[in-house]
PDB file of N, CA and C in Angstrom:
ATOM      1  N   MET A   1       3.958  12.583  -3.329  1.00  0.00           N
ATOM      2  CA  MET A   1       4.897  11.527  -3.662  1.00  0.00           C
ATOM      3  C   MET A   1       5.565  11.064  -2.376  1.00  0.00           C
ATOM      4  N   ARG A   2       5.633   9.766  -2.192  1.00  0.00           N
ATOM      5  CA  ARG A   2       6.276   9.188  -1.017  1.00  0.00           C
ATOM      6  C   ARG A   2       7.574   8.528  -1.433  1.00  0.00           C
ATOM      7  N   LYS A   3       8.522   8.507  -0.502  1.00  0.00           N
ATOM      8  CA  LYS A   3       9.778   7.801  -0.735  1.00  0.00           C
ATOM      9  C   LYS A   3       9.729   6.482   0.018  1.00  0.00           C
ATOM     10  N   VAL A   4      10.240   5.447  -0.615  1.00  0.00           N
ATOM     11  CA  VAL A   4      10.323   4.135   0.001  1.00  0.00           C
ATOM     12  C   VAL A   4      11.788   3.724  -0.025  1.00  0.00           C
ATOM     13  N   GLN A   5      12.296   3.351   1.118  1.00  0.00           N
ATOM     14  CA  GLN A   5      13.687   2.920   1.206  1.00  0.00           C
ATOM     15  C   GLN A   5      13.716   1.417   1.415  1.00  0.00           C
ATOM     16  N   ILE A   6      14.523   0.739   0.633  1.00  0.00           N
ATOM     17  CA  ILE A   6      14.594  -0.713   0.675  1.00  0.00           C
ATOM     18  C   ILE A   6      16.033  -1.133   0.937  1.00  0.00           C
ATOM     19  N   THR A   7      16.194  -2.074   1.848  1.00  0.00           N
ATOM     20  CA  THR A   7      17.504  -2.647   2.134  1.00  0.00           C
ATOM     21  C   THR A   7      17.425  -4.143   1.868  1.00  0.00           C
ATOM     22  N   ILE A   8      18.359  -4.655   1.093  1.00  0.00           N
ATOM     23  CA  ILE A   8      18.399  -6.086   0.813  1.00  0.00           C
ATOM     24  C   ILE A   8      19.789  -6.624   1.120  1.00  0.00           C
ATOM     25  N   GLU A   9      19.840  -7.909   1.391  1.00  0.00           N
ATOM     26  CA  GLU A   9      21.121  -8.554   1.637  1.00  0.00           C
ATOM     27  C   GLU A   9      21.532  -9.342   0.402  1.00  0.00           C
ATOM     28  N   LEU A  10      22.781  -9.183   0.014  1.00  0.00           N
ATOM     29  CA  LEU A  10      23.345  -9.917  -1.105  1.00  0.00           C
ATOM     30  C   LEU A  10      24.565 -10.679  -0.609  1.00  0.00           C
ATOM     31  N   PRO A  11      24.893 -11.786  -1.255  1.00  0.00           N
ATOM     32  CA  PRO A  11      26.078 -12.526  -0.834  1.00  0.00           C
ATOM     33  C   PRO A  11      27.353 -11.696  -1.028  1.00  0.00           C
ATOM     34  N   ASP A  12      28.339 -11.967  -0.188  1.00  0.00           N
ATOM     35  CA  ASP A  12      29.608 -11.248  -0.298  1.00  0.00           C
ATOM     36  C   ASP A  12      30.323 -11.556  -1.618  1.00  0.00           C
ATOM     37  N   THR A  13      30.209 -12.790  -2.073  1.00  0.00           N
ATOM     38  CA  THR A  13      30.865 -13.169  -3.329  1.00  0.00           C
ATOM     39  C   THR A  13      29.888 -13.952  -4.202  1.00  0.00           C
ATOM     40  N   VAL A  14      30.071 -13.820  -5.478  1.00  0.00           N
ATOM     41  CA  VAL A  14      29.311 -14.611  -6.449  1.00  0.00           C
ATOM     42  C   VAL A  14      30.308 -15.261  -7.401  1.00  0.00           C
ATOM     43  N   ASP A  15      29.925 -16.411  -7.931  1.00  0.00           N
ATOM     44  CA  ASP A  15      30.839 -17.165  -8.790  1.00  0.00           C
ATOM     45  C   ASP A  15      30.771 -16.754 -10.254  1.00  0.00           C
ATOM     46  N   SER A  16      29.639 -16.171 -10.657  1.00  0.00           N
ATOM     47  CA  SER A  16      29.508 -15.823 -12.075  1.00  0.00           C
ATOM     48  C   SER A  16      28.489 -14.706 -12.247  1.00  0.00           C
ATOM     49  N   LEU A  17      28.485 -14.144 -13.437  1.00  0.00           N
ATOM     50  CA  LEU A  17      27.482 -13.121 -13.754  1.00  0.00           C
ATOM     51  C   LEU A  17      26.085 -13.728 -13.785  1.00  0.00           C
ATOM     52  N   ASP A  18      26.004 -14.969 -14.247  1.00  0.00           N
ATOM     53  CA  ASP A  18      24.703 -15.642 -14.275  1.00  0.00           C
ATOM     54  C   ASP A  18      24.146 -15.806 -12.859  1.00  0.00           C
ATOM     55  N   GLN A  19      25.007 -16.172 -11.921  1.00  0.00           N
ATOM     56  CA  GLN A  19      24.570 -16.323 -10.529  1.00  0.00           C
ATOM     57  C   GLN A  19      24.130 -14.969  -9.971  1.00  0.00           C
ATOM     58  N   LEU A  20      24.894 -13.917 -10.239  1.00  0.00           N
ATOM     59  CA  LEU A  20      24.542 -12.579  -9.783  1.00  0.00           C
ATOM     60  C   LEU A  20      23.207 -12.146 -10.379  1.00  0.00           C
ATOM     61  N   GLU A  21      23.019 -12.409 -11.662  1.00  0.00           N
ATOM     62  CA  GLU A  21      21.764 -12.059 -12.320  1.00  0.00           C
ATOM     63  C   GLU A  21      20.588 -12.802 -11.685  1.00  0.00           C
ATOM     64  N   GLY A  22      20.771 -14.074 -11.382  1.00  0.00           N
ATOM     65  CA  GLY A  22      19.719 -14.868 -10.748  1.00  0.00           C
ATOM     66  C   GLY A  22      19.377 -14.355  -9.362  1.00  0.00           C
ATOM     67  N   ILE A  23      20.401 -13.991  -8.599  1.00  0.00           N
ATOM     68  CA  ILE A  23      20.187 -13.465  -7.251  1.00  0.00           C
ATOM     69  C   ILE A  23      19.414 -12.151  -7.312  1.00  0.00           C
ATOM     70  N   ILE A  24      19.835 -11.281  -8.193  1.00  0.00           N
ATOM     71  CA  ILE A  24      19.174  -9.970  -8.314  1.00  0.00           C
ATOM     72  C   ILE A  24      17.746 -10.135  -8.824  1.00  0.00           C
ATOM     73  N   GLU A  25      17.531 -11.048  -9.761  1.00  0.00           N
ATOM     74  CA  GLU A  25      16.185 -11.306 -10.273  1.00  0.00           C
ATOM     75  C   GLU A  25      15.272 -11.807  -9.151  1.00  0.00           C
ATOM     76  N   ALA A  26      15.763 -12.735  -8.342  1.00  0.00           N
ATOM     77  CA  ALA A  26      14.969 -13.276  -7.234  1.00  0.00           C
ATOM     78  C   ALA A  26      14.663 -12.197  -6.204  1.00  0.00           C
ATOM     79  N   LYS A  27      15.660 -11.388  -5.860  1.00  0.00           N
ATOM     80  CA  LYS A  27      15.440 -10.300  -4.890  1.00  0.00           C
ATOM     81  C   LYS A  27      14.454  -9.286  -5.452  1.00  0.00           C
ATOM     82  N   GLY A  28      14.562  -9.009  -6.744  1.00  0.00           N
ATOM     83  CA  GLY A  28      13.656  -8.058  -7.386  1.00  0.00           C
ATOM     84  C   GLY A  28      12.211  -8.521  -7.333  1.00  0.00           C
ATOM     85  N   GLN A  29      11.987  -9.812  -7.566  1.00  0.00           N
ATOM     86  CA  GLN A  29      10.634 -10.361  -7.498  1.00  0.00           C
ATOM     87  C   GLN A  29      10.078 -10.275  -6.084  1.00  0.00           C
ATOM     88  N   LEU A  30      10.922 -10.567  -5.095  1.00  0.00           N
ATOM     89  CA  LEU A  30      10.505 -10.490  -3.699  1.00  0.00           C
ATOM     90  C   LEU A  30      10.150  -9.053  -3.313  1.00  0.00           C
ATOM     91  N   ILE A  31      10.984  -8.113  -3.719  1.00  0.00           N
ATOM     92  CA  ILE A  31      10.724  -6.698  -3.438  1.00  0.00           C
ATOM     93  C   ILE A  31       9.412  -6.265  -4.098  1.00  0.00           C
ATOM     94  N   LYS A  32       9.220  -6.672  -5.325  1.00  0.00           N
ATOM     95  CA  LYS A  32       8.010  -6.312  -6.069  1.00  0.00           C
ATOM     96  C   LYS A  32       6.759  -6.823  -5.347  1.00  0.00           C
ATOM     97  N   GLN A  33       6.785  -8.083  -4.908  1.00  0.00           N
ATOM     98  CA  GLN A  33       5.633  -8.660  -4.206  1.00  0.00           C
ATOM     99  C   GLN A  33       5.366  -7.939  -2.892  1.00  0.00           C
ATOM    100  N   GLN A  34       6.418  -7.699  -2.118  1.00  0.00           N
ATOM    101  CA  GLN A  34       6.241  -7.057  -0.816  1.00  0.00           C
ATOM    102  C   GLN A  34       5.773  -5.610  -0.965  1.00  0.00           C
ATOM    103  N   LEU A  35       6.344  -4.899  -1.918  1.00  0.00           N
ATOM    104  CA  LEU A  35       5.949  -3.509  -2.146  1.00  0.00           C
ATOM    105  C   LEU A  35       4.502  -3.431  -2.612  1.00  0.00           C
ATOM    106  N   PHE A  36       4.121  -4.320  -3.515  1.00  0.00           N
ATOM    107  CA  PHE A  36       2.744  -4.341  -4.002  1.00  0.00           C
ATOM    108  C   PHE A  36       1.778  -4.621  -2.856  1.00  0.00           C
ATOM    109  N   SER A  37       2.099  -5.628  -2.021  1.00  0.00           N
ATOM    110  CA  SER A  37       1.240  -5.965  -0.885  1.00  0.00           C
ATOM    111  C   SER A  37       1.107  -4.786   0.070  1.00  0.00           C
ATOM    112  N   HIS A  38       2.224  -4.124   0.345  1.00  0.00           N
ATOM    113  CA  HIS A  38       2.208  -2.968   1.253  1.00  0.00           C
ATOM    114  C   HIS A  38       1.367  -1.840   0.678  1.00  0.00           C
ATOM    115  N   GLU A  39       1.533  -1.558  -0.605  1.00  0.00           N
ATOM    116  CA  GLU A  39       0.800  -0.456  -1.224  1.00  0.00           C
ATOM    117  C   GLU A  39      -0.694  -0.763  -1.334  1.00  0.00           C
ATOM    118  N   ILE A  40      -1.040  -2.028  -1.578  1.00  0.00           N
ATOM    119  CA  ILE A  40      -2.457  -2.406  -1.609  1.00  0.00           C
ATOM    120  C   ILE A  40      -3.074  -2.164  -0.234  1.00  0.00           C
ATOM    121  N   GLU A  41      -2.356  -2.568   0.821  1.00  0.00           N
ATOM    122  CA  GLU A  41      -2.846  -2.365   2.185  1.00  0.00           C
ATOM    123  C   GLU A  41      -3.007  -0.873   2.475  1.00  0.00           C
ATOM    124  N   HIS A  42      -2.046  -0.075   2.053  1.00  0.00           N
ATOM    125  CA  HIS A  42      -2.110   1.379   2.243  1.00  0.00           C
ATOM    126  C   HIS A  42      -3.322   1.961   1.502  1.00  0.00           C
ATOM    127  N   LEU A  43      -3.551   1.514   0.285  1.00  0.00           N
ATOM    128  CA  LEU A  43      -4.680   1.999  -0.504  1.00  0.00           C
ATOM    129  C   LEU A  43      -6.012   1.617   0.132  1.00  0.00           C
ATOM    130  N   ILE A  44      -6.112   0.387   0.623  1.00  0.00           N
ATOM    131  CA  ILE A  44      -7.340  -0.065   1.286  1.00  0.00           C
ATOM    132  C   ILE A  44      -7.613   0.771   2.528  1.00  0.00           C
ATOM    133  N   ASN A  45      -6.594   1.008   3.338  1.00  0.00           N
ATOM    134  CA  ASN A  45      -6.772   1.825   4.543  1.00  0.00           C
ATOM    135  C   ASN A  45      -7.182   3.246   4.187  1.00  0.00           C
ATOM    136  N   HIS A  46      -6.602   3.789   3.132  1.00  0.00           N
ATOM    137  CA  HIS A  46      -6.950   5.142   2.681  1.00  0.00           C
ATOM    138  C   HIS A  46      -8.419   5.188   2.234  1.00  0.00           C
ATOM    139  N   GLU A  47      -8.845   4.175   1.493  1.00  0.00           N
ATOM    140  CA  GLU A  47     -10.233   4.124   1.032  1.00  0.00           C
ATOM    141  C   GLU A  47     -11.200   3.962   2.203  1.00  0.00           C
ATOM    142  N   LYS A  48     -10.814   3.166   3.214  1.00  0.00           N
ATOM    143  CA  LYS A  48     -11.663   3.004   4.391  1.00  0.00           C
ATOM    144  C   LYS A  48     -11.845   4.328   5.110  1.00  0.00           C
ATOM    145  N   GLN A  49     -10.767   5.100   5.229  1.00  0.00           N
ATOM    146  CA  GLN A  49     -10.862   6.406   5.883  1.00  0.00           C
ATOM    147  C   GLN A  49     -11.782   7.324   5.100  1.00  0.00           C
ATOM    148  N   ASN A  50     -11.686   7.288   3.779  1.00  0.00           N
ATOM    149  CA  ASN A  50     -12.542   8.138   2.959  1.00  0.00           C
ATOM    150  C   ASN A  50     -14.008   7.709   3.024  1.00  0.00           C
ATOM    151  N   SER A  51     -14.251   6.414   3.174  1.00  0.00           N
ATOM    152  CA  SER A  51     -15.637   5.947   3.218  1.00  0.00           C
ATOM    153  C   SER A  51     -16.272   6.194   4.576  1.00  0.00           C
ATOM    154  N   ASP A  52     -15.479   6.534   5.588  1.00  0.00           N
ATOM    155  CA  ASP A  52     -16.037   6.837   6.906  1.00  0.00           C
ATOM    156  C   ASP A  52     -16.749   8.187   6.926  1.00  0.00           C
ATOM    157  N   THR A  53     -16.476   9.014   5.939  1.00  0.00           N
ATOM    158  CA  THR A  53     -17.190  10.285   5.848  1.00  0.00           C
ATOM    159  C   THR A  53     -18.022  10.284   4.574  1.00  0.00           C
ATOM    160  N   ILE A  54     -19.275  10.686   4.701  1.00  0.00           N
ATOM    161  CA  ILE A  54     -20.163  10.745   3.546  1.00  0.00           C
ATOM    162  C   ILE A  54     -20.773  12.133   3.470  1.00  0.00           C
ATOM    163  N   ALA A  55     -21.180  12.521   2.305  1.00  0.00           N
ATOM    164  CA  ALA A  55     -21.777  13.842   2.128  1.00  0.00           C
ATOM    165  C   ALA A  55     -23.287  13.750   2.300  1.00  0.00           C
ATOM    166  N   CYS A  56     -23.828  14.699   3.040  1.00  0.00           N
ATOM    167  CA  CYS A  56     -25.268  14.803   3.214  1.00  0.00           C
ATOM    168  C   CYS A  56     -25.872  15.172   1.852  1.00  0.00           C
ATOM    169  N   PRO A  57     -26.839  14.400   1.353  1.00  0.00           N
ATOM    170  CA  PRO A  57     -27.384  14.681   0.014  1.00  0.00           C
ATOM    171  C   PRO A  57     -27.992  16.073  -0.117  1.00  0.00           C
ATOM    172  N   SER A  58     -28.617  16.578   0.933  1.00  0.00           N
ATOM    173  CA  SER A  58     -29.302  17.860   0.801  1.00  0.00           C
ATOM    174  C   SER A  58     -28.352  19.052   0.904  1.00  0.00           C
ATOM    175  N   CYS A  59     -27.314  18.957   1.741  1.00  0.00           N
ATOM    176  CA  CYS A  59     -26.465  20.134   1.930  1.00  0.00           C
ATOM    177  C   CYS A  59     -25.014  19.915   1.505  1.00  0.00           C
ATOM    178  N   GLN A  60     -24.641  18.680   1.150  1.00  0.00           N
ATOM    179  CA  GLN A  60     -23.291  18.324   0.709  1.00  0.00           C
ATOM    180  C   GLN A  60     -22.220  18.526   1.773  1.00  0.00           C
ATOM    181  N   LYS A  61     -22.623  18.661   3.041  1.00  0.00           N
ATOM    182  CA  LYS A  61     -21.647  18.731   4.123  1.00  0.00           C
ATOM    183  C   LYS A  61     -21.211  17.321   4.454  1.00  0.00           C
ATOM    184  N   LYS A  62     -19.931  17.158   4.731  1.00  0.00           N
ATOM    185  CA  LYS A  62     -19.436  15.833   5.078  1.00  0.00           C
ATOM    186  C   LYS A  62     -19.624  15.577   6.559  1.00  0.00           C
ATOM    187  N   MET A  63     -20.039  14.361   6.873  1.00  0.00           N
ATOM    188  CA  MET A  63     -20.189  13.944   8.255  1.00  0.00           C
ATOM    189  C   MET A  63     -19.769  12.488   8.343  1.00  0.00           C
ATOM    190  N   SER A  64     -19.461  12.036   9.549  1.00  0.00           N
ATOM    191  CA  SER A  64     -19.081  10.638   9.688  1.00  0.00           C
ATOM    192  C   SER A  64     -20.280   9.761   9.398  1.00  0.00           C
ATOM    193  N   SER A  65     -20.035   8.572   8.891  1.00  0.00           N
ATOM    194  CA  SER A  65     -21.138   7.679   8.531  1.00  0.00           C
ATOM    195  C   SER A  65     -21.947   7.274   9.757  1.00  0.00           C
ATOM    196  N   SER A  66     -21.339   7.208  10.946  1.00  0.00           N
ATOM    197  CA  SER A  66     -22.098   6.862  12.152  1.00  0.00           C
ATOM    198  C   SER A  66     -23.097   7.959  12.504  1.00  0.00           C
ATOM    199  N   LYS A  67     -22.728   9.230  12.316  1.00  0.00           N
ATOM    200  CA  LYS A  67     -23.674  10.327  12.577  1.00  0.00           C
ATOM    201  C   LYS A  67     -24.809  10.304  11.573  1.00  0.00           C
ATOM    202  N   ALA A  68     -24.471  10.002  10.313  1.00  0.00           N
ATOM    203  CA  ALA A  68     -25.502   9.964   9.276  1.00  0.00           C
ATOM    204  C   ALA A  68     -26.497   8.845   9.555  1.00  0.00           C
ATOM    205  N   THR A  69     -26.016   7.707  10.011  1.00  0.00           N
ATOM    206  CA  THR A  69     -26.894   6.584  10.316  1.00  0.00           C
ATOM    207  C   THR A  69     -27.810   6.917  11.483  1.00  0.00           C
ATOM    208  N   SER A  70     -27.262   7.562  12.513  1.00  0.00           N
ATOM    209  CA  SER A  70     -28.085   7.891  13.685  1.00  0.00           C
ATOM    210  C   SER A  70     -29.138   8.942  13.336  1.00  0.00           C
ATOM    211  N   ARG A  71     -28.847   9.827  12.399  1.00  0.00           N
ATOM    212  CA  ARG A  71     -29.847  10.832  12.003  1.00  0.00           C
ATOM    213  C   ARG A  71     -30.999  10.217  11.238  1.00  0.00           C
ATOM    214  N   VAL A  72     -30.707   9.157  10.459  1.00  0.00           N
ATOM    215  CA  VAL A  72     -31.747   8.502   9.681  1.00  0.00           C
ATOM    216  C   VAL A  72     -32.667   7.715  10.595  1.00  0.00           C
ATOM    217  N   ASN A  73     -32.109   7.090  11.627  1.00  0.00           N
ATOM    218  CA  ASN A  73     -32.903   6.248  12.550  1.00  0.00           C
ATOM    219  C   ASN A  73     -33.711   7.089  13.427  1.00  0.00           C
TER     220      ASN A  73
END
């Protein structure tokens, strides 16, 4: 489990509860989009690292994909 810390800026004063609700809703949507984008990027990088190592079919030992390619050639 990872912790994510988020800091947002809010106005010093608001005129109404409706305005406060709108501000928080807008900030929430922005946070959601940015967090999703960041996590997708993290997941893609994690998958790329995992795909760099493949298991040898005959012995099931993991090796880098570049070594496996050179052995086949």
